[in-house]
Amino acid sequence: MMAGRLRRLMREGCAAMPGAFNAGTGRLIERAGFEGVYVSGAGLSNATAGVPDIGLLSRVEVTALAGYVAAAVGIPALVDADTGWGDCGETVERFVSAGIAGMQIEDQVEAKRCGHLGGKKLVSAGVMVGRIRSAAAARGKGNFVIVGRTDARSVEGFDKAVERAEKYLEAGADVIFPEALETEEEFAEFARQIRGPLLANMTEFGKSPLVDVKKLARMGYRLAIFPQTAFRVAMKAEETALRELKKLGTQKSLVKKMQTRGELYELLGYNPADGKWKGKSV
């Protein structure tokens, strides 16, 4: 059901999908009116495990953590599956069982790096085509969305990224994710050359400019992810609050900046008066 909704969103325009690094943030994203949520590998690695985004979390861990997000919201969840953990077909099967609407797989080697860092290494286009075909075969006739990401722009150049994208679409990818494009003109040119749905990564402090969703839609992009926006804002706010708590020895000055207990319970669908919870177990 959610996979079908994600496909409808792509047909209707460019869907903005902020990143959720946990299920509570997923609920806030839905409450804010967004129609989809992105579960970033960087977000899960940084926030949950406290490790860098270099492929350290296992398929079991990511499925469980992303499954919490998918279960907490009533909007489609697209999940970062890094390089697919070897058997991309099994990854699709596990994600579908967890209620996830789609996944992103990339063409880096297993020891992947953040897409906006240097030193990335790619597998051959043929290996990536195999990953996509395995995922598509496991999906079968279902609506589960497969996003093929190419990191070739930073490694082999723009033209090679376009070549790879065409091969990934032919192999069964539903959407192409050109990582680390460096100018608005490159985003527009990629859309002119690739006649298929595209995803734009609007991450901060990286190689790409921050382009607004309306402009991306006019270019032809169908998904725009904001993988670490909420996480970075939250981490900065937490750091500031903790320094103040350490300095003053009390949180009194911080209370006005907090989500209240009542607001949290409302977000979670919990009524403390009768102990009833409007939710489903995970």
Protein backbone atom coordinates (compact mmCIF):
# COMPACT_ATOMS: atom_id res chain seq x y z
CA MET A 1 0.00 0.00 0.00
CA MET A 2 2.71 2.49 1.00
CA ALA A 3 4.81 1.61 -2.03
CA GLY A 4 1.84 2.43 -4.25
CA ARG A 5 1.43 5.76 -2.47
CA LEU A 6 5.10 6.58 -3.06
CA ARG A 7 4.66 5.89 -6.77
CA ARG A 8 1.61 8.16 -6.86
CA LEU A 9 3.56 10.96 -5.17
CA MET A 10 6.20 10.72 -7.87
CA ARG A 11 3.58 10.99 -10.59
CA GLU A 12 2.03 14.07 -9.00
CA GLY A 13 5.19 16.19 -8.68
CA CYS A 14 8.36 16.38 -6.61
CA ALA A 15 7.80 14.94 -3.13
CA ALA A 16 9.93 16.39 -0.34
CA MET A 17 11.12 13.68 2.07
CA PRO A 18 12.97 14.85 5.19
CA GLY A 19 15.24 12.35 6.89
CA ALA A 20 14.17 10.59 10.08
CA PHE A 21 16.87 9.16 12.31
CA ASN A 22 14.29 7.58 14.61
CA ALA A 23 10.56 6.92 14.75
CA GLY A 24 9.78 9.98 16.88
CA THR A 25 11.28 12.21 14.22
CA GLY A 26 9.30 10.31 11.62
CA ARG A 27 6.12 11.24 13.46
CA LEU A 28 7.17 14.91 13.53
CA ILE A 29 7.81 14.81 9.78
CA GLU A 30 4.33 13.44 9.18
CA ARG A 31 2.80 15.96 11.61
CA ALA A 32 4.48 18.80 9.69
CA GLY A 33 2.55 17.75 6.58
CA PHE A 34 5.20 15.94 4.54
CA GLU A 35 3.91 13.07 2.44
CA GLY A 36 6.98 10.85 2.70
CA VAL A 37 9.92 10.17 4.98
CA TYR A 38 13.49 9.22 4.13
CA VAL A 39 15.50 6.99 6.47
CA SER A 40 19.12 7.94 5.92
CA GLY A 41 21.97 5.52 6.45
CA ALA A 42 24.00 8.44 7.76
CA GLY A 43 21.22 9.37 10.16
CA LEU A 44 20.94 5.86 11.58
CA SER A 45 24.71 5.47 11.80
CA ASN A 46 25.38 8.86 13.38
CA ALA A 47 22.40 9.17 15.71
CA THR A 48 21.70 5.58 16.74
CA ALA A 49 25.09 3.91 16.70
CA GLY A 50 27.32 6.97 17.03
CA VAL A 51 29.49 5.84 14.12
CA PRO A 52 30.33 7.40 10.73
CA ASP A 53 28.42 6.63 7.55
CA ILE A 54 30.78 3.97 6.18
CA GLY A 55 28.47 0.97 5.99
CA LEU A 56 28.96 -0.30 9.54
CA LEU A 57 25.31 -1.13 10.29
CA SER A 58 24.06 -4.56 9.22
CA ARG A 59 20.98 -5.36 7.17
CA VAL A 60 19.31 -6.73 10.32
CA GLU A 61 19.98 -3.50 12.22
CA VAL A 62 18.83 -1.18 9.43
CA THR A 63 15.70 -3.23 8.78
CA ALA A 64 14.74 -3.08 12.44
CA LEU A 65 15.46 0.62 12.87
CA ALA A 66 13.80 1.63 9.60
CA GLY A 67 10.90 -0.66 10.42
CA TYR A 68 10.24 1.34 13.59
CA VAL A 69 9.94 4.49 11.47
CA ALA A 70 7.68 2.85 8.89
CA ALA A 71 5.41 1.46 11.60
CA ALA A 72 5.13 4.81 13.40
CA VAL A 73 3.90 6.83 10.42
CA GLY A 74 1.12 6.69 7.88
CA ILE A 75 3.26 7.94 5.00
CA PRO A 76 5.70 6.03 2.75
CA ALA A 77 9.23 5.41 4.04
CA LEU A 78 12.15 5.27 1.60
CA VAL A 79 15.23 3.67 3.16
CA ASP A 80 18.94 3.95 2.40
CA ALA A 81 20.25 0.40 1.87
CA ASP A 82 23.84 1.43 1.10
CA THR A 83 25.24 -1.23 -1.28
CA GLY A 84 22.53 -3.77 -0.46
CA TRP A 85 24.51 -6.07 1.87
CA GLY A 86 25.43 -8.55 -0.83
CA ASP A 87 22.07 -10.10 -1.66
CA CYS A 88 19.85 -7.21 -2.72
CA GLY A 89 16.95 -9.57 -3.27
CA GLU A 90 16.95 -10.60 0.37
CA THR A 91 17.15 -6.96 1.37
CA VAL A 92 14.02 -6.20 -0.64
CA GLU A 93 12.17 -9.11 0.96
CA ARG A 94 13.08 -7.99 4.46
CA PHE A 95 12.20 -4.37 3.77
CA VAL A 96 8.82 -5.29 2.28
CA SER A 97 8.05 -7.39 5.38
CA ALA A 98 8.94 -4.39 7.55
CA GLY A 99 6.43 -2.16 5.75
CA ILE A 100 9.04 -0.09 3.93
CA ALA A 101 7.92 1.45 0.62
CA GLY A 102 11.23 1.57 -1.22
CA MET A 103 14.99 1.47 -0.95
CA GLN A 104 18.05 3.15 -2.38
CA ILE A 105 21.11 1.13 -3.42
CA GLU A 106 24.36 2.60 -4.66
CA ASP A 107 27.24 1.68 -6.95
CA GLN A 108 30.08 2.05 -4.46
CA VAL A 109 32.23 -0.82 -3.22
CA GLU A 110 31.13 -2.51 0.02
CA ALA A 111 33.42 -0.30 2.11
CA LYS A 112 31.35 2.70 1.06
CA ARG A 113 31.84 6.34 2.00
CA CYS A 114 29.50 9.28 2.43
CA GLY A 115 28.56 10.41 -1.06
CA HIS A 116 29.92 13.92 -0.48
CA LEU A 117 33.41 12.88 0.63
CA GLY A 118 36.42 12.23 -1.55
CA GLY A 119 38.10 8.88 -1.99
CA LYS A 120 35.02 6.95 -3.13
CA LYS A 121 35.47 3.78 -5.15
CA LEU A 122 32.87 2.32 -7.50
CA VAL A 123 31.97 -1.17 -8.58
CA SER A 124 31.62 -1.71 -12.30
CA ALA A 125 28.36 -0.76 -13.96
CA GLY A 126 27.81 -4.48 -14.54
CA VAL A 127 28.02 -5.29 -10.83
CA MET A 128 25.53 -2.53 -10.02
CA VAL A 129 23.20 -3.75 -12.76
CA GLY A 130 23.29 -7.14 -11.03
CA ARG A 131 22.32 -5.54 -7.72
CA ILE A 132 19.36 -3.82 -9.33
CA ARG A 133 18.22 -6.91 -11.20
CA SER A 134 18.35 -8.95 -7.99
CA ALA A 135 16.25 -6.34 -6.20
CA ALA A 136 13.76 -6.10 -9.07
CA ALA A 137 13.37 -9.88 -9.24
CA ALA A 138 12.61 -10.05 -5.51
CA ARG A 139 10.10 -7.22 -5.85
CA GLY A 140 8.31 -9.11 -8.61
CA LYS A 141 5.00 -7.53 -9.53
CA GLY A 142 4.82 -5.53 -6.31
CA ASN A 143 5.06 -1.75 -6.12
CA PHE A 144 8.20 -1.62 -3.95
CA VAL A 145 10.31 1.26 -5.29
CA ILE A 146 13.95 0.68 -6.25
CA VAL A 147 16.17 3.76 -6.38
CA GLY A 148 19.49 3.32 -8.17
CA ARG A 149 22.12 5.74 -6.91
CA THR A 150 25.27 6.49 -8.84
CA ASP A 151 28.29 8.13 -7.24
CA ALA A 152 30.06 8.37 -10.58
CA ARG A 153 29.92 12.17 -10.86
CA SER A 154 32.71 12.56 -8.28
CA VAL A 155 34.75 9.58 -9.49
CA GLU A 156 34.37 9.20 -13.27
CA GLY A 157 32.72 12.47 -14.26
CA PHE A 158 29.28 13.73 -15.26
CA ASP A 159 29.02 11.90 -18.59
CA LYS A 160 29.85 8.54 -17.01
CA ALA A 161 27.19 9.18 -14.36
CA VAL A 162 24.65 9.64 -17.15
CA GLU A 163 25.81 6.43 -18.86
CA ARG A 164 25.50 4.47 -15.65
CA ALA A 165 22.06 5.93 -14.92
CA GLU A 166 20.74 4.75 -18.29
CA LYS A 167 21.99 1.23 -17.62
CA TYR A 168 20.42 1.21 -14.15
CA LEU A 169 17.04 2.22 -15.54
CA GLU A 170 17.25 -0.56 -18.13
CA ALA A 171 18.08 -3.05 -15.35
CA GLY A 172 14.89 -2.25 -13.44
CA ALA A 173 15.54 0.81 -11.28
CA ASP A 174 12.41 2.91 -10.85
CA VAL A 175 14.26 6.09 -9.91
CA ILE A 176 17.79 7.38 -10.47
CA PHE A 177 19.69 9.19 -7.71
CA PRO A 178 22.68 11.13 -9.10
CA GLU A 179 24.79 11.77 -6.02
CA ALA A 180 26.93 14.86 -5.48
CA LEU A 181 26.05 16.92 -8.54
CA GLU A 182 27.90 20.20 -8.13
CA THR A 183 25.76 22.97 -9.67
CA GLU A 184 22.14 23.77 -10.45
CA GLU A 185 23.09 23.51 -14.10
CA GLU A 186 24.24 19.92 -13.56
CA PHE A 187 20.95 19.03 -11.88
CA ALA A 188 19.07 20.51 -14.84
CA GLU A 189 21.31 18.87 -17.45
CA PHE A 190 21.05 15.46 -15.81
CA ALA A 191 17.27 15.75 -15.94
CA ARG A 192 17.42 16.71 -19.61
CA GLN A 193 19.50 13.65 -20.48
CA ILE A 194 17.77 11.02 -18.33
CA ARG A 195 14.16 10.26 -19.27
CA GLY A 196 13.12 8.65 -16.04
CA PRO A 197 12.17 9.65 -12.47
CA LEU A 198 15.01 11.35 -10.59
CA LEU A 199 15.84 11.93 -6.92
CA ALA A 200 17.76 14.99 -5.70
CA ASN A 201 19.79 14.87 -2.50
CA MET A 202 19.60 18.22 -0.70
CA THR A 203 22.11 17.51 2.03
CA GLU A 204 23.92 20.35 3.79
CA PHE A 205 27.69 20.97 3.83
CA GLY A 206 28.26 18.80 0.77
CA LYS A 207 29.14 19.23 -2.90
CA SER A 208 25.62 20.06 -4.11
CA PRO A 209 23.85 23.43 -3.98
CA LEU A 210 20.66 23.64 -1.93
CA VAL A 211 17.88 23.93 -4.51
CA ASP A 212 14.26 24.41 -3.46
CA VAL A 213 11.70 21.74 -4.20
CA LYS A 214 9.66 23.84 -6.65
CA LYS A 215 12.71 24.47 -8.82
CA LEU A 216 13.66 20.78 -8.71
CA ALA A 217 10.13 19.90 -9.79
CA ARG A 218 10.40 22.25 -12.77
CA MET A 219 13.64 20.53 -13.74
CA GLY A 220 11.87 17.17 -13.66
CA TYR A 221 12.88 15.68 -10.32
CA ARG A 222 10.28 13.54 -8.58
CA LEU A 223 11.81 13.09 -5.13
CA ALA A 224 13.87 15.46 -2.99
CA ILE A 225 15.45 14.11 0.18
CA PHE A 226 16.74 16.13 3.13
CA PRO A 227 18.59 13.31 4.89
CA GLN A 228 20.29 15.07 7.81
CA THR A 229 18.43 18.37 8.18
CA ALA A 230 16.45 17.47 11.30
CA PHE A 231 19.38 15.56 12.78
CA ARG A 232 21.81 18.44 12.39
CA VAL A 233 19.39 20.97 13.86
CA ALA A 234 18.63 18.63 16.78
CA MET A 235 22.30 17.90 17.49
CA LYS A 236 23.20 21.59 17.56
CA ALA A 237 20.29 22.35 19.88
CA GLU A 238 21.23 19.44 22.16
CA GLU A 239 24.86 20.55 22.31
CA THR A 240 23.84 24.10 23.24
CA ALA A 241 21.38 22.88 25.90
CA LEU A 242 23.85 20.49 27.49
CA ARG A 243 26.53 23.17 27.72
CA GLU A 244 24.04 25.46 29.44
CA LEU A 245 22.96 22.70 31.82
CA LYS A 246 26.59 22.00 32.70
CA LYS A 247 27.29 25.68 33.28
CA LEU A 248 24.19 26.54 35.33
CA GLY A 249 23.47 23.23 37.06
CA THR A 250 19.75 23.52 36.22
CA GLN A 251 17.58 23.20 33.11
CA LYS A 252 15.13 25.93 34.17
CA SER A 253 16.14 28.30 31.38
CA LEU A 254 15.71 25.52 28.82
CA VAL A 255 12.16 24.47 29.69
CA LYS A 256 10.59 27.07 27.41
CA LYS A 257 12.49 25.57 24.47
CA MET A 258 11.31 22.01 25.12
CA GLN A 259 8.52 19.93 23.68
CA THR A 260 6.17 19.47 26.64
CA ARG A 261 5.11 16.14 28.06
CA GLY A 262 1.60 16.76 26.78
CA GLU A 263 2.83 17.57 23.28
CA LEU A 264 4.88 14.38 23.22
CA TYR A 265 1.94 12.24 24.32
CA GLU A 266 -0.25 13.85 21.67
CA LEU A 267 2.37 13.09 19.01
CA LEU A 268 2.58 9.48 20.15
CA GLY A 269 -1.19 9.06 20.31
CA TYR A 270 -1.11 8.23 24.02
CA ASN A 271 -3.75 9.26 26.56
CA PRO A 272 -2.19 9.20 30.04
CA ALA A 273 -5.58 9.65 31.68
CA ASP A 274 -6.83 6.20 30.70
CA GLY A 275 -3.55 4.65 29.61
CA LYS A 276 -4.82 3.99 26.10
CA TRP A 277 -2.47 4.20 23.13
CA LYS A 278 -3.61 4.73 19.55
CA GLY A 279 -0.86 2.82 17.87
CA LYS A 280 0.42 -0.55 16.79
CA SER A 281 3.13 -2.68 18.29
CA VAL A 282 6.37 -3.18 16.36
